[in-house]
Amino acid sequence: MRYSIVACAFFAICAAAFGQNLIVTAEGHHGSAPPEVTRDDVSAEVNGHPARIAAWVPFRGDQAALDLYIVIDDGENADLGIQFRSLKAFMNAQPGTTQVGLAYLRYGSASIAAPLSADHAQVAKALRLPLGEPGIAGSPYVSISDLVRKWPADGARHEVLLISSGVDPYSPRDPLNPYLLTAIADAQRAGVLVHSIYYGRDGARLNWGQNYLSELGEETGGEAYWRSGQVLFDSYLDDLNQRLRNQYLLTLVPEAIKNGLEPVRVTGSRVSLKSASKVNMQRSLD
């Protein structure tokens, strides 16, 4: 069984009746593994007010279920193929509690090349070179919204690894890119973490793409990786693996709840903690 039915039912009740669940990642210093985090190490605020922690559960054992989509921008260069060895090794290294899927971003939608599966080697075989046609991917953020919206809840963590330049031909160079902001809000409502690896050489819009990807990760609780020049993904994927192994389910009970997205802040006394910047509160305590 991929996850504990009793535990998932309990957390679903907590989320509906009291507040909402949030995925929190413990971050180590300078690439090192973080220490174990206990409930007593954690404090949280919702909309600037203290929130009670109803549950703090590590995603391990019966709670380790993860659905992870590798998502590739179909407009990127075909030389992405040099990264396939790293990507296949990353897929095959995932534990049996992780289902991996593969999608390509094309014309503002997420085209599923391989559905979520515990047969990681089979999913890895579906990797192909991006088409590399200018404009074919459209906005990567519209496509992320498409993936998030058609991804049904199943009791597992939902996370995305996006490989893209981050450049958005649908939007002017604007820090308030509407498609990016919509993708962030869609991911926050669904509790989806979006990690990314910058890949591309569109020099004129380079900084905008990197900034968009960084904002997408920061606001959803994911991590954005990039470095000048084309480098192998191995170090990024090693870091992502460590993050996936050090995540926790936080169930919050705020002093007052309004339906919709509310700003959230989670802090640790002994370790840096990262989560989405907003949590989707679904029901009032009144």
C-alpha atoms as a PDB file:
ATOM      1  CA  MET A   1       0.000   0.000   0.000  1.00  0.00           C
ATOM      2  CA  ARG A   2       1.509   3.371  -1.053  1.00  0.00           C
ATOM      3  CA  TYR A   3       0.402   5.214   2.079  1.00  0.00           C
ATOM      4  CA  SER A   4      -1.445   4.673   5.323  1.00  0.00           C
ATOM      5  CA  ILE A   5      -5.210   4.992   4.767  1.00  0.00           C
ATOM      6  CA  VAL A   6      -5.840   5.660   8.449  1.00  0.00           C
ATOM      7  CA  ALA A   7      -3.196   8.377   8.624  1.00  0.00           C
ATOM      8  CA  CYS A   8      -4.378  10.042   5.411  1.00  0.00           C
ATOM      9  CA  ALA A   9      -7.975  10.015   6.635  1.00  0.00           C
ATOM     10  CA  PHE A  10      -6.870  11.597   9.896  1.00  0.00           C
ATOM     11  CA  PHE A  11      -4.987  14.385   8.160  1.00  0.00           C
ATOM     12  CA  ALA A  12      -7.858  14.979   5.739  1.00  0.00           C
ATOM     13  CA  ILE A  13     -10.181  15.445   8.735  1.00  0.00           C
ATOM     14  CA  CYS A  14      -7.686  17.825  10.363  1.00  0.00           C
ATOM     15  CA  ALA A  15      -7.398  19.884   7.199  1.00  0.00           C
ATOM     16  CA  ALA A  16     -11.154  20.131   6.657  1.00  0.00           C
ATOM     17  CA  ALA A  17     -12.136  20.846  10.244  1.00  0.00           C
ATOM     18  CA  PHE A  18      -9.262  22.887  11.631  1.00  0.00           C
ATOM     19  CA  GLY A  19      -7.007  24.354   9.014  1.00  0.00           C
ATOM     20  CA  GLN A  20      -4.717  22.958   6.379  1.00  0.00           C
ATOM     21  CA  ASN A  21      -1.735  20.752   5.736  1.00  0.00           C
ATOM     22  CA  LEU A  22       1.553  22.156   4.486  1.00  0.00           C
ATOM     23  CA  ILE A  23       4.687  20.464   3.162  1.00  0.00           C
ATOM     24  CA  VAL A  24       7.790  21.777   4.943  1.00  0.00           C
ATOM     25  CA  THR A  25      11.378  21.091   3.896  1.00  0.00           C
ATOM     26  CA  ALA A  26      14.276  21.126   6.365  1.00  0.00           C
ATOM     27  CA  GLU A  27      17.385  22.668   4.815  1.00  0.00           C
ATOM     28  CA  GLY A  28      20.951  21.729   5.716  1.00  0.00           C
ATOM     29  CA  HIS A  29      23.871  24.156   5.759  1.00  0.00           C
ATOM     30  CA  HIS A  30      26.167  24.255   2.707  1.00  0.00           C
ATOM     31  CA  GLY A  31      24.797  21.033   1.241  1.00  0.00           C
ATOM     32  CA  SER A  32      24.935  18.994   4.435  1.00  0.00           C
ATOM     33  CA  ALA A  33      22.000  16.928   5.671  1.00  0.00           C
ATOM     34  CA  PRO A  34      19.787  18.784   8.173  1.00  0.00           C
ATOM     35  CA  PRO A  35      19.239  17.434  11.703  1.00  0.00           C
ATOM     36  CA  GLU A  36      16.014  15.671  12.630  1.00  0.00           C
ATOM     37  CA  VAL A  37      13.294  18.250  13.317  1.00  0.00           C
ATOM     38  CA  THR A  38      10.765  17.660  16.097  1.00  0.00           C
ATOM     39  CA  ARG A  39       7.439  19.320  16.710  1.00  0.00           C
ATOM     40  CA  ASP A  40       8.959  21.319  19.590  1.00  0.00           C
ATOM     41  CA  ASP A  41      11.472  22.849  17.147  1.00  0.00           C
ATOM     42  CA  VAL A  42       8.751  24.408  14.980  1.00  0.00           C
ATOM     43  CA  SER A  43       6.579  27.507  15.194  1.00  0.00           C
ATOM     44  CA  ALA A  44       4.160  28.927  12.642  1.00  0.00           C
ATOM     45  CA  GLU A  45       2.109  32.013  11.841  1.00  0.00           C
ATOM     46  CA  VAL A  46      -0.848  32.420   9.507  1.00  0.00           C
ATOM     47  CA  ASN A  47      -1.571  35.953   8.319  1.00  0.00           C
ATOM     48  CA  GLY A  48       0.768  37.289  11.004  1.00  0.00           C
ATOM     49  CA  HIS A  49      -0.949  35.484  13.884  1.00  0.00           C
ATOM     50  CA  PRO A  50       0.374  32.456  15.805  1.00  0.00           C
ATOM     51  CA  ALA A  51      -0.962  29.103  14.656  1.00  0.00           C
ATOM     52  CA  ARG A  52      -1.162  25.940  16.722  1.00  0.00           C
ATOM     53  CA  ILE A  53       0.634  22.913  15.313  1.00  0.00           C
ATOM     54  CA  ALA A  54      -1.825  20.029  15.322  1.00  0.00           C
ATOM     55  CA  ALA A  55       0.577  17.556  13.697  1.00  0.00           C
ATOM     56  CA  TRP A  56       4.203  17.354  12.567  1.00  0.00           C
ATOM     57  CA  VAL A  57       4.932  14.111  10.725  1.00  0.00           C
ATOM     58  CA  PRO A  58       8.062  13.202   8.732  1.00  0.00           C
ATOM     59  CA  PHE A  59       7.408  11.888   5.243  1.00  0.00           C
ATOM     60  CA  ARG A  60       8.958   8.503   5.922  1.00  0.00           C
ATOM     61  CA  GLY A  61       7.799   4.912   6.150  1.00  0.00           C
ATOM     62  CA  ASP A  62       4.049   4.675   5.598  1.00  0.00           C
ATOM     63  CA  GLN A  63       3.920   8.463   5.088  1.00  0.00           C
ATOM     64  CA  ALA A  64       6.625   8.649   2.395  1.00  0.00           C
ATOM     65  CA  ALA A  65       4.361   8.562  -0.684  1.00  0.00           C
ATOM     66  CA  LEU A  66       5.428  11.070  -3.332  1.00  0.00           C
ATOM     67  CA  ASP A  67       4.137  11.846  -6.813  1.00  0.00           C
ATOM     68  CA  LEU A  68       6.919  13.582  -8.755  1.00  0.00           C
ATOM     69  CA  TYR A  69       6.558  14.903 -12.297  1.00  0.00           C
ATOM     70  CA  ILE A  70       9.657  15.677 -14.370  1.00  0.00           C
ATOM     71  CA  VAL A  71       8.475  18.457 -16.684  1.00  0.00           C
ATOM     72  CA  ILE A  72      10.518  19.567 -19.710  1.00  0.00           C
ATOM     73  CA  ASP A  73       9.967  22.700 -21.772  1.00  0.00           C
ATOM     74  CA  ASP A  74       9.562  21.447 -25.365  1.00  0.00           C
ATOM     75  CA  GLY A  75      10.962  24.705 -26.732  1.00  0.00           C
ATOM     76  CA  GLU A  76      14.432  24.158 -25.279  1.00  0.00           C
ATOM     77  CA  ASN A  77      17.514  23.138 -27.234  1.00  0.00           C
ATOM     78  CA  ALA A  78      18.094  19.533 -28.255  1.00  0.00           C
ATOM     79  CA  ASP A  79      21.454  19.599 -26.443  1.00  0.00           C
ATOM     80  CA  LEU A  80      19.447  18.900 -23.291  1.00  0.00           C
ATOM     81  CA  GLY A  81      20.170  15.293 -24.251  1.00  0.00           C
ATOM     82  CA  ILE A  82      23.539  15.524 -22.499  1.00  0.00           C
ATOM     83  CA  GLN A  83      21.575  15.668 -19.233  1.00  0.00           C
ATOM     84  CA  PHE A  84      19.605  12.461 -19.838  1.00  0.00           C
ATOM     85  CA  ARG A  85      22.120  10.244 -18.055  1.00  0.00           C
ATOM     86  CA  SER A  86      21.728  12.373 -14.935  1.00  0.00           C
ATOM     87  CA  LEU A  87      17.947  12.497 -15.221  1.00  0.00           C
ATOM     88  CA  LYS A  88      17.619   8.733 -15.727  1.00  0.00           C
ATOM     89  CA  ALA A  89      19.886   8.034 -12.758  1.00  0.00           C
ATOM     90  CA  PHE A  90      17.758  10.396 -10.653  1.00  0.00           C
ATOM     91  CA  MET A  91      14.530   8.666 -11.690  1.00  0.00           C
ATOM     92  CA  ASN A  92      15.897   5.180 -11.066  1.00  0.00           C
ATOM     93  CA  ALA A  93      17.259   6.204  -7.662  1.00  0.00           C
ATOM     94  CA  GLN A  94      13.800   7.121  -6.340  1.00  0.00           C
ATOM     95  CA  PRO A  95      12.414   4.781  -3.669  1.00  0.00           C
ATOM     96  CA  GLY A  96       9.436   2.504  -4.244  1.00  0.00           C
ATOM     97  CA  THR A  97       7.209   4.965  -2.365  1.00  0.00           C
ATOM     98  CA  THR A  98       7.741   7.511  -5.155  1.00  0.00           C
ATOM     99  CA  GLN A  99       5.772   7.521  -8.384  1.00  0.00           C
ATOM    100  CA  VAL A 100       7.540   9.374 -11.211  1.00  0.00           C
ATOM    101  CA  GLY A 101       5.893  10.870 -14.273  1.00  0.00           C
ATOM    102  CA  LEU A 102       7.168  12.729 -17.335  1.00  0.00           C
ATOM    103  CA  ALA A 103       5.525  15.630 -19.169  1.00  0.00           C
ATOM    104  CA  TYR A 104       6.502  18.085 -21.914  1.00  0.00           C
ATOM    105  CA  LEU A 105       5.268  21.678 -22.040  1.00  0.00           C
ATOM    106  CA  ARG A 106       3.747  22.514 -25.378  1.00  0.00           C
ATOM    107  CA  TYR A 107       1.435  25.386 -26.444  1.00  0.00           C
ATOM    108  CA  GLY A 108       0.507  26.272 -22.874  1.00  0.00           C
ATOM    109  CA  SER A 109      -0.368  22.733 -21.796  1.00  0.00           C
ATOM    110  CA  ALA A 110       1.389  19.844 -20.096  1.00  0.00           C
ATOM    111  CA  SER A 111       1.509  16.857 -22.446  1.00  0.00           C
ATOM    112  CA  ILE A 112       1.977  13.642 -20.453  1.00  0.00           C
ATOM    113  CA  ALA A 113       4.688  11.473 -22.022  1.00  0.00           C
ATOM    114  CA  ALA A 114       4.615   8.907 -19.204  1.00  0.00           C
ATOM    115  CA  PRO A 115       1.979   8.849 -16.456  1.00  0.00           C
ATOM    116  CA  LEU A 116       2.945   8.536 -12.811  1.00  0.00           C
ATOM    117  CA  SER A 117       4.373   5.084 -12.133  1.00  0.00           C
ATOM    118  CA  ALA A 118       6.516   3.208  -9.636  1.00  0.00           C
ATOM    119  CA  ASP A 119       8.272   1.631 -12.649  1.00  0.00           C
ATOM    120  CA  HIS A 120      10.905   4.336 -12.804  1.00  0.00           C
ATOM    121  CA  ALA A 121      12.963   2.672 -15.516  1.00  0.00           C
ATOM    122  CA  GLN A 122       9.936   2.554 -17.825  1.00  0.00           C
ATOM    123  CA  VAL A 123       9.278   6.255 -17.288  1.00  0.00           C
ATOM    124  CA  ALA A 124      12.943   7.024 -17.980  1.00  0.00           C
ATOM    125  CA  LYS A 125      12.607   5.314 -21.370  1.00  0.00           C
ATOM    126  CA  ALA A 126      10.032   7.954 -22.359  1.00  0.00           C
ATOM    127  CA  LEU A 127      12.633  10.736 -22.219  1.00  0.00           C
ATOM    128  CA  ARG A 128      13.094  12.353 -25.628  1.00  0.00           C
ATOM    129  CA  LEU A 129      14.828  15.450 -26.926  1.00  0.00           C
ATOM    130  CA  PRO A 130      12.765  18.640 -26.755  1.00  0.00           C
ATOM    131  CA  LEU A 131      11.473  19.783 -30.137  1.00  0.00           C
ATOM    132  CA  GLY A 132      13.368  23.053 -29.868  1.00  0.00           C
ATOM    133  CA  GLU A 133      10.930  25.001 -32.018  1.00  0.00           C
ATOM    134  CA  PRO A 134      10.756  28.684 -30.967  1.00  0.00           C
ATOM    135  CA  GLY A 135       7.491  29.474 -29.211  1.00  0.00           C
ATOM    136  CA  ILE A 136       6.222  25.883 -29.163  1.00  0.00           C
ATOM    137  CA  ALA A 137       6.115  25.703 -25.372  1.00  0.00           C
ATOM    138  CA  GLY A 138       4.316  29.020 -24.923  1.00  0.00           C
ATOM    139  CA  SER A 139       4.314  30.181 -21.328  1.00  0.00           C
ATOM    140  CA  PRO A 140       5.813  27.506 -19.044  1.00  0.00           C
ATOM    141  CA  TYR A 141       3.664  28.956 -16.247  1.00  0.00           C
ATOM    142  CA  VAL A 142       0.394  28.446 -18.121  1.00  0.00           C
ATOM    143  CA  SER A 143       1.522  24.851 -18.648  1.00  0.00           C
ATOM    144  CA  ILE A 144       2.326  24.394 -14.939  1.00  0.00           C
ATOM    145  CA  SER A 145      -1.184  25.619 -14.109  1.00  0.00           C
ATOM    146  CA  ASP A 146      -2.554  23.076 -16.588  1.00  0.00           C
ATOM    147  CA  LEU A 147      -0.642  20.230 -14.920  1.00  0.00           C
ATOM    148  CA  VAL A 148      -1.613  21.268 -11.387  1.00  0.00           C
ATOM    149  CA  ARG A 149      -5.301  21.653 -12.211  1.00  0.00           C
ATOM    150  CA  LYS A 150      -5.649  18.190 -13.766  1.00  0.00           C
ATOM    151  CA  TRP A 151      -3.609  16.402 -11.076  1.00  0.00           C
ATOM    152  CA  PRO A 152      -6.057  14.664  -8.698  1.00  0.00           C
ATOM    153  CA  ALA A 153      -5.303  14.446  -4.987  1.00  0.00           C
ATOM    154  CA  ASP A 154      -4.332  10.922  -3.911  1.00  0.00           C
ATOM    155  CA  GLY A 155      -2.888  11.238  -0.400  1.00  0.00           C
ATOM    156  CA  ALA A 156       0.705  11.625  -1.620  1.00  0.00           C
ATOM    157  CA  ARG A 157       2.937  14.668  -1.789  1.00  0.00           C
ATOM    158  CA  HIS A 158       2.756  16.362  -5.187  1.00  0.00           C
ATOM    159  CA  GLU A 159       5.973  17.916  -6.487  1.00  0.00           C
ATOM    160  CA  VAL A 160       7.308  19.041  -9.861  1.00  0.00           C
ATOM    161  CA  LEU A 161      10.811  19.337 -11.290  1.00  0.00           C
ATOM    162  CA  LEU A 162      10.570  21.855 -14.147  1.00  0.00           C
ATOM    163  CA  ILE A 163      13.420  22.082 -16.678  1.00  0.00           C
ATOM    164  CA  SER A 164      13.117  25.325 -18.613  1.00  0.00           C
ATOM    165  CA  SER A 165      14.702  28.682 -19.392  1.00  0.00           C
ATOM    166  CA  GLY A 166      11.782  30.268 -17.564  1.00  0.00           C
ATOM    167  CA  VAL A 167      11.300  32.693 -20.448  1.00  0.00           C
ATOM    168  CA  ASP A 168       7.637  33.561 -21.020  1.00  0.00           C
ATOM    169  CA  PRO A 169       6.763  34.745 -24.550  1.00  0.00           C
ATOM    170  CA  TYR A 170       3.146  35.327 -23.454  1.00  0.00           C
ATOM    171  CA  SER A 171       4.090  38.100 -21.031  1.00  0.00           C
ATOM    172  CA  PRO A 172       6.099  41.319 -21.280  1.00  0.00           C
ATOM    173  CA  ARG A 173       9.184  41.534 -19.075  1.00  0.00           C
ATOM    174  CA  ASP A 174       7.253  42.327 -15.950  1.00  0.00           C
ATOM    175  CA  PRO A 175       7.895  41.269 -12.334  1.00  0.00           C
ATOM    176  CA  LEU A 176       4.108  40.911 -12.036  1.00  0.00           C
ATOM    177  CA  ASN A 177       3.834  38.350 -14.824  1.00  0.00           C
ATOM    178  CA  PRO A 178       0.134  37.346 -14.632  1.00  0.00           C
ATOM    179  CA  TYR A 179       0.747  33.795 -15.834  1.00  0.00           C
ATOM    180  CA  LEU A 180       3.469  33.254 -13.258  1.00  0.00           C
ATOM    181  CA  LEU A 181       1.271  34.661 -10.479  1.00  0.00           C
ATOM    182  CA  THR A 182      -1.596  32.394 -11.541  1.00  0.00           C
ATOM    183  CA  ALA A 183       0.686  29.332 -11.595  1.00  0.00           C
ATOM    184  CA  ILE A 184       1.937  30.184  -8.108  1.00  0.00           C
ATOM    185  CA  ALA A 185      -1.610  30.561  -6.754  1.00  0.00           C
ATOM    186  CA  ASP A 186      -2.747  27.325  -8.443  1.00  0.00           C
ATOM    187  CA  ALA A 187       0.197  25.417  -6.947  1.00  0.00           C
ATOM    188  CA  GLN A 188      -0.376  26.920  -3.494  1.00  0.00           C
ATOM    189  CA  ARG A 189      -4.071  25.977  -3.505  1.00  0.00           C
ATOM    190  CA  ALA A 190      -3.207  22.405  -4.488  1.00  0.00           C
ATOM    191  CA  GLY A 191      -0.192  22.156  -2.159  1.00  0.00           C
ATOM    192  CA  VAL A 192       2.191  21.430  -5.063  1.00  0.00           C
ATOM    193  CA  LEU A 193       5.903  22.252  -4.685  1.00  0.00           C
ATOM    194  CA  VAL A 194       7.596  23.360  -7.907  1.00  0.00           C
ATOM    195  CA  HIS A 195      11.362  22.918  -8.161  1.00  0.00           C
ATOM    196  CA  SER A 196      13.209  23.989 -11.298  1.00  0.00           C
ATOM    197  CA  ILE A 197      16.492  23.726 -13.136  1.00  0.00           C
ATOM    198  CA  TYR A 198      17.248  26.667 -15.389  1.00  0.00           C
ATOM    199  CA  TYR A 199      18.213  25.548 -18.879  1.00  0.00           C
ATOM    200  CA  GLY A 200      18.507  27.868 -21.846  1.00  0.00           C
ATOM    201  CA  ARG A 201      20.561  30.534 -23.550  1.00  0.00           C
ATOM    202  CA  ASP A 202      18.083  33.277 -24.429  1.00  0.00           C
ATOM    203  CA  GLY A 203      20.526  35.999 -23.383  1.00  0.00           C
ATOM    204  CA  ALA A 204      18.286  39.037 -23.814  1.00  0.00           C
ATOM    205  CA  ARG A 205      15.683  37.617 -21.442  1.00  0.00           C
ATOM    206  CA  LEU A 206      17.990  35.461 -19.349  1.00  0.00           C
ATOM    207  CA  ASN A 207      17.545  37.345 -16.091  1.00  0.00           C
ATOM    208  CA  TRP A 208      13.772  37.464 -16.403  1.00  0.00           C
ATOM    209  CA  GLY A 209      13.556  33.698 -16.862  1.00  0.00           C
ATOM    210  CA  GLN A 210      15.799  33.031 -13.890  1.00  0.00           C
ATOM    211  CA  ASN A 211      13.888  35.519 -11.737  1.00  0.00           C
ATOM    212  CA  TYR A 212      10.558  33.919 -12.660  1.00  0.00           C
ATOM    213  CA  LEU A 213      11.821  30.429 -11.817  1.00  0.00           C
ATOM    214  CA  SER A 214      13.244  31.648  -8.508  1.00  0.00           C
ATOM    215  CA  GLU A 215       9.928  33.285  -7.605  1.00  0.00           C
ATOM    216  CA  LEU A 216       8.005  30.142  -8.560  1.00  0.00           C
ATOM    217  CA  GLY A 217      10.166  28.050  -6.235  1.00  0.00           C
ATOM    218  CA  GLU A 218      10.214  30.528  -3.379  1.00  0.00           C
ATOM    219  CA  GLU A 219       6.449  30.994  -3.333  1.00  0.00           C
ATOM    220  CA  THR A 220       5.513  27.298  -3.664  1.00  0.00           C
ATOM    221  CA  GLY A 221       8.157  25.903  -1.290  1.00  0.00           C
ATOM    222  CA  GLY A 222      10.343  24.471  -4.050  1.00  0.00           C
ATOM    223  CA  GLU A 223      13.977  25.115  -4.983  1.00  0.00           C
ATOM    224  CA  ALA A 224      15.300  26.850  -8.117  1.00  0.00           C
ATOM    225  CA  TYR A 225      18.692  25.758  -9.449  1.00  0.00           C
ATOM    226  CA  TRP A 226      20.780  27.681 -11.948  1.00  0.00           C
ATOM    227  CA  ARG A 227      24.364  28.531 -12.738  1.00  0.00           C
ATOM    228  CA  SER A 228      26.112  30.428 -15.523  1.00  0.00           C
ATOM    229  CA  GLY A 229      27.062  28.142 -18.382  1.00  0.00           C
ATOM    230  CA  GLN A 230      25.794  24.668 -19.199  1.00  0.00           C
ATOM    231  CA  VAL A 231      26.675  22.212 -16.434  1.00  0.00           C
ATOM    232  CA  LEU A 232      25.586  18.679 -15.665  1.00  0.00           C
ATOM    233  CA  PHE A 233      22.531  18.382 -13.421  1.00  0.00           C
ATOM    234  CA  ASP A 234      24.087  15.877 -11.005  1.00  0.00           C
ATOM    235  CA  SER A 235      24.734  18.268  -8.104  1.00  0.00           C
ATOM    236  CA  TYR A 236      21.265  19.799  -8.446  1.00  0.00           C
ATOM    237  CA  LEU A 237      19.578  16.404  -8.447  1.00  0.00           C
ATOM    238  CA  ASP A 238      21.627  15.241  -5.457  1.00  0.00           C
ATOM    239  CA  ASP A 239      20.465  18.313  -3.545  1.00  0.00           C
ATOM    240  CA  LEU A 240      16.846  17.745  -4.587  1.00  0.00           C
ATOM    241  CA  ASN A 241      17.049  14.120  -3.416  1.00  0.00           C
ATOM    242  CA  GLN A 242      18.218  15.316  -0.017  1.00  0.00           C
ATOM    243  CA  ARG A 243      15.340  17.796   0.179  1.00  0.00           C
ATOM    244  CA  LEU A 244      12.801  15.106  -0.675  1.00  0.00           C
ATOM    245  CA  ARG A 245      14.195  12.937   2.133  1.00  0.00           C
ATOM    246  CA  ASN A 246      13.842  15.749   4.696  1.00  0.00           C
ATOM    247  CA  GLN A 247      10.247  16.871   4.333  1.00  0.00           C
ATOM    248  CA  TYR A 248       7.468  16.999   6.917  1.00  0.00           C
ATOM    249  CA  LEU A 249       3.703  17.297   6.961  1.00  0.00           C
ATOM    250  CA  LEU A 250       2.619  20.253   9.081  1.00  0.00           C
ATOM    251  CA  THR A 251      -1.053  20.560  10.078  1.00  0.00           C
ATOM    252  CA  LEU A 252      -1.884  24.101  11.207  1.00  0.00           C
ATOM    253  CA  VAL A 253      -4.677  25.411  13.419  1.00  0.00           C
ATOM    254  CA  PRO A 254      -4.732  29.224  13.130  1.00  0.00           C
ATOM    255  CA  GLU A 255      -6.474  31.514  15.606  1.00  0.00           C
ATOM    256  CA  ALA A 256      -8.912  32.510  12.860  1.00  0.00           C
ATOM    257  CA  ILE A 257      -9.417  31.190   9.370  1.00  0.00           C
ATOM    258  CA  LYS A 258     -10.751  32.761   6.206  1.00  0.00           C
ATOM    259  CA  ASN A 259     -11.408  30.632   3.167  1.00  0.00           C
ATOM    260  CA  GLY A 260      -8.716  30.989   0.522  1.00  0.00           C
ATOM    261  CA  LEU A 261      -4.982  31.590   0.432  1.00  0.00           C
ATOM    262  CA  GLU A 262      -3.456  33.036   3.604  1.00  0.00           C
ATOM    263  CA  PRO A 263       0.182  34.106   4.185  1.00  0.00           C
ATOM    264  CA  VAL A 264       2.070  31.527   6.235  1.00  0.00           C
ATOM    265  CA  ARG A 265       5.463  31.556   7.941  1.00  0.00           C
ATOM    266  CA  VAL A 266       7.128  28.474   9.405  1.00  0.00           C
ATOM    267  CA  THR A 267      10.342  28.743  11.431  1.00  0.00           C
ATOM    268  CA  GLY A 268      12.619  26.264  13.186  1.00  0.00           C
ATOM    269  CA  SER A 269      14.649  26.801  16.335  1.00  0.00           C
ATOM    270  CA  ARG A 270      17.583  24.650  15.173  1.00  0.00           C
ATOM    271  CA  VAL A 271      17.266  24.471  11.405  1.00  0.00           C
ATOM    272  CA  SER A 272      16.075  26.489   8.423  1.00  0.00           C
ATOM    273  CA  LEU A 273      12.610  25.448   7.234  1.00  0.00           C
ATOM    274  CA  LYS A 274      11.078  26.175   3.830  1.00  0.00           C
ATOM    275  CA  SER A 275       7.428  26.038   2.781  1.00  0.00           C
ATOM    276  CA  ALA A 276       5.019  27.764   0.431  1.00  0.00           C
ATOM    277  CA  SER A 277       4.468  31.438   1.257  1.00  0.00           C
ATOM    278  CA  LYS A 278       0.691  30.928   1.390  1.00  0.00           C
ATOM    279  CA  VAL A 279      -1.545  28.085   2.557  1.00  0.00           C
ATOM    280  CA  ASN A 280      -5.039  27.319   1.346  1.00  0.00           C
ATOM    281  CA  MET A 281      -7.380  27.582   4.339  1.00  0.00           C
ATOM    282  CA  GLN A 282     -10.600  25.788   3.514  1.00  0.00           C
ATOM    283  CA  ARG A 283     -13.014  26.238   6.378  1.00  0.00           C
ATOM    284  CA  SER A 284     -13.764  28.710   9.152  1.00  0.00           C
ATOM    285  CA  LEU A 285     -13.632  27.728  12.830  1.00  0.00           C
ATOM    286  CA  ASP A 286     -16.805  29.709  13.547  1.00  0.00           C
END
